[in-house]
Amino acid sequence: MLAEQLIGLLEPVLRAPPEFGSWLAYQYFTDTDHFLV
């Protein structure tokens, strides 16, 4: 359930300019050593 809520919050951000979604996913990985999805 928490994963569904997180996806609901992040989906618009990841779909807004493609390079921004890629940058955000990369930043999350470098900060946490975990994949975003």
PDB file of N, CA and C in Angstrom:
ATOM      1  N   MET A   1       0.831  -1.194   0.000  1.00  0.00           N
ATOM      2  CA  MET A   1       0.000   0.000   0.000  1.00  0.00           C
ATOM      3  C   MET A   1       0.874   1.256   0.000  1.00  0.00           C
ATOM      4  N   LEU A   2       1.917   1.255   0.798  1.00  0.00           N
ATOM      5  CA  LEU A   2       2.817   2.406   0.841  1.00  0.00           C
ATOM      6  C   LEU A   2       3.487   2.629  -0.505  1.00  0.00           C
ATOM      7  N   ALA A   3       3.854   1.551  -1.183  1.00  0.00           N
ATOM      8  CA  ALA A   3       4.477   1.670  -2.505  1.00  0.00           C
ATOM      9  C   ALA A   3       3.519   2.312  -3.500  1.00  0.00           C
ATOM     10  N   GLU A   4       2.247   1.956  -3.447  1.00  0.00           N
ATOM     11  CA  GLU A   4       1.257   2.551  -4.342  1.00  0.00           C
ATOM     12  C   GLU A   4       1.117   4.044  -4.084  1.00  0.00           C
ATOM     13  N   GLN A   5       1.140   4.462  -2.832  1.00  0.00           N
ATOM     14  CA  GLN A   5       1.045   5.878  -2.501  1.00  0.00           C
ATOM     15  C   GLN A   5       2.282   6.620  -2.992  1.00  0.00           C
ATOM     16  N   LEU A   6       3.441   6.015  -2.822  1.00  0.00           N
ATOM     17  CA  LEU A   6       4.682   6.636  -3.274  1.00  0.00           C
ATOM     18  C   LEU A   6       4.688   6.795  -4.786  1.00  0.00           C
ATOM     19  N   ILE A   7       4.257   5.776  -5.494  1.00  0.00           N
ATOM     20  CA  ILE A   7       4.191   5.857  -6.957  1.00  0.00           C
ATOM     21  C   ILE A   7       3.206   6.948  -7.367  1.00  0.00           C
ATOM     22  N   GLY A   8       2.084   7.038  -6.678  1.00  0.00           N
ATOM     23  CA  GLY A   8       1.103   8.079  -6.988  1.00  0.00           C
ATOM     24  C   GLY A   8       1.673   9.479  -6.822  1.00  0.00           C
ATOM     25  N   LEU A   9       2.546   9.651  -5.838  1.00  0.00           N
ATOM     26  CA  LEU A   9       3.164  10.965  -5.619  1.00  0.00           C
ATOM     27  C   LEU A   9       4.265  11.253  -6.626  1.00  0.00           C
ATOM     28  N   LEU A  10       5.016  10.235  -6.984  1.00  0.00           N
ATOM     29  CA  LEU A  10       6.185  10.437  -7.841  1.00  0.00           C
ATOM     30  C   LEU A  10       5.878  10.360  -9.334  1.00  0.00           C
ATOM     31  N   GLU A  11       4.789   9.733  -9.702  1.00  0.00           N
ATOM     32  CA  GLU A  11       4.489   9.542 -11.120  1.00  0.00           C
ATOM     33  C   GLU A  11       4.467  10.852 -11.912  1.00  0.00           C
ATOM     34  N   PRO A  12       3.792  11.906 -11.434  1.00  0.00           N
ATOM     35  CA  PRO A  12       3.805  13.160 -12.212  1.00  0.00           C
ATOM     36  C   PRO A  12       5.210  13.742 -12.356  1.00  0.00           C
ATOM     37  N   VAL A  13       6.012  13.606 -11.328  1.00  0.00           N
ATOM     38  CA  VAL A  13       7.376  14.145 -11.379  1.00  0.00           C
ATOM     39  C   VAL A  13       8.207  13.372 -12.387  1.00  0.00           C
ATOM     40  N   LEU A  14       8.059  12.068 -12.393  1.00  0.00           N
ATOM     41  CA  LEU A  14       8.851  11.245 -13.296  1.00  0.00           C
ATOM     42  C   LEU A  14       8.404  11.388 -14.746  1.00  0.00           C
ATOM     43  N   ARG A  15       7.174  11.806 -14.969  1.00  0.00           N
ATOM     44  CA  ARG A  15       6.683  11.985 -16.336  1.00  0.00           C
ATOM     45  C   ARG A  15       6.952  13.392 -16.877  1.00  0.00           C
ATOM     46  N   ALA A  16       7.156  14.365 -16.007  1.00  0.00           N
ATOM     47  CA  ALA A  16       7.467  15.727 -16.449  1.00  0.00           C
ATOM     48  C   ALA A  16       8.845  15.676 -17.076  1.00  0.00           C
ATOM     49  N   PRO A  17       9.433  16.615 -17.657  1.00  0.00           N
ATOM     50  CA  PRO A  17      10.496  16.393 -18.650  1.00  0.00           C
ATOM     51  C   PRO A  17      11.320  15.132 -18.365  1.00  0.00           C
ATOM     52  N   PRO A  18      11.522  14.311 -19.367  1.00  0.00           N
ATOM     53  CA  PRO A  18      12.202  13.025 -19.163  1.00  0.00           C
ATOM     54  C   PRO A  18      13.553  13.152 -18.470  1.00  0.00           C
ATOM     55  N   GLU A  19      14.299  14.169 -18.797  1.00  0.00           N
ATOM     56  CA  GLU A  19      15.614  14.312 -18.172  1.00  0.00           C
ATOM     57  C   GLU A  19      15.493  14.599 -16.670  1.00  0.00           C
ATOM     58  N   PHE A  20      14.424  15.223 -16.236  1.00  0.00           N
ATOM     59  CA  PHE A  20      14.240  15.490 -14.814  1.00  0.00           C
ATOM     60  C   PHE A  20      13.960  14.193 -14.051  1.00  0.00           C
ATOM     61  N   GLY A  21      13.126  13.335 -14.613  1.00  0.00           N
ATOM     62  CA  GLY A  21      12.844  12.055 -13.979  1.00  0.00           C
ATOM     63  C   GLY A  21      14.093  11.198 -13.866  1.00  0.00           C
ATOM     64  N   SER A  22      14.903  11.212 -14.908  1.00  0.00           N
ATOM     65  CA  SER A  22      16.160  10.453 -14.875  1.00  0.00           C
ATOM     66  C   SER A  22      17.092  11.017 -13.823  1.00  0.00           C
ATOM     67  N   TRP A  23      17.173  12.321 -13.757  1.00  0.00           N
ATOM     68  CA  TRP A  23      18.045  12.967 -12.768  1.00  0.00           C
ATOM     69  C   TRP A  23      17.579  12.636 -11.349  1.00  0.00           C
ATOM     70  N   LEU A  24      16.264  12.698 -11.125  1.00  0.00           N
ATOM     71  CA  LEU A  24      15.718  12.416  -9.798  1.00  0.00           C
ATOM     72  C   LEU A  24      15.999  10.973  -9.390  1.00  0.00           C
ATOM     73  N   ALA A  25      15.772  10.027 -10.303  1.00  0.00           N
ATOM     74  CA  ALA A  25      16.031   8.623  -9.998  1.00  0.00           C
ATOM     75  C   ALA A  25      17.512   8.399  -9.703  1.00  0.00           C
ATOM     76  N   TYR A  26      18.381   9.042 -10.456  1.00  0.00           N
ATOM     77  CA  TYR A  26      19.819   8.903 -10.225  1.00  0.00           C
ATOM     78  C   TYR A  26      20.220   9.492  -8.874  1.00  0.00           C
ATOM     79  N   GLN A  27      19.677  10.657  -8.537  1.00  0.00           N
ATOM     80  CA  GLN A  27      19.994  11.283  -7.258  1.00  0.00           C
ATOM     81  C   GLN A  27      19.545  10.402  -6.099  1.00  0.00           C
ATOM     82  N   TYR A  28      18.365   9.823  -6.214  1.00  0.00           N
ATOM     83  CA  TYR A  28      17.864   8.936  -5.166  1.00  0.00           C
ATOM     84  C   TYR A  28      18.801   7.745  -4.997  1.00  0.00           C
ATOM     85  N   PHE A  29      19.224   7.161  -6.115  1.00  0.00           N
ATOM     86  CA  PHE A  29      20.125   6.007  -6.050  1.00  0.00           C
ATOM     87  C   PHE A  29      21.461   6.380  -5.428  1.00  0.00           C
ATOM     88  N   THR A  30      22.026   7.510  -5.822  1.00  0.00           N
ATOM     89  CA  THR A  30      23.330   7.891  -5.279  1.00  0.00           C
ATOM     90  C   THR A  30      23.239   8.244  -3.793  1.00  0.00           C
ATOM     91  N   ASP A  31      22.096   8.762  -3.360  1.00  0.00           N
ATOM     92  CA  ASP A  31      21.936   9.127  -1.949  1.00  0.00           C
ATOM     93  C   ASP A  31      21.640   7.916  -1.071  1.00  0.00           C
ATOM     94  N   THR A  32      20.901   6.941  -1.585  1.00  0.00           N
ATOM     95  CA  THR A  32      20.428   5.840  -0.744  1.00  0.00           C
ATOM     96  C   THR A  32      20.995   4.475  -1.123  1.00  0.00           C
ATOM     97  N   ASP A  33      21.622   4.356  -2.282  1.00  0.00           N
ATOM     98  CA  ASP A  33      22.098   3.066  -2.807  1.00  0.00           C
ATOM     99  C   ASP A  33      20.943   2.093  -3.016  1.00  0.00           C
ATOM    100  N   HIS A  34      19.748   2.608  -3.263  1.00  0.00           N
ATOM    101  CA  HIS A  34      18.568   1.798  -3.584  1.00  0.00           C
ATOM    102  C   HIS A  34      17.934   2.359  -4.842  1.00  0.00           C
ATOM    103  N   PHE A  35      17.321   1.482  -5.624  1.00  0.00           N
ATOM    104  CA  PHE A  35      16.610   1.947  -6.795  1.00  0.00           C
ATOM    105  C   PHE A  35      15.267   2.552  -6.388  1.00  0.00           C
ATOM    106  N   LEU A  36      14.821   3.537  -7.126  1.00  0.00           N
ATOM    107  CA  LEU A  36      13.572   4.224  -6.810  1.00  0.00           C
ATOM    108  C   LEU A  36      12.369   3.321  -7.034  1.00  0.00           C
ATOM    109  N   VAL A  37      12.377   2.536  -8.077  1.00  0.00           N
ATOM    110  CA  VAL A  37      11.246   1.661  -8.400  1.00  0.00           C
ATOM    111  C   VAL A  37      11.639   0.232  -8.168  1.00  0.00           C
TER     112      VAL A  37
END
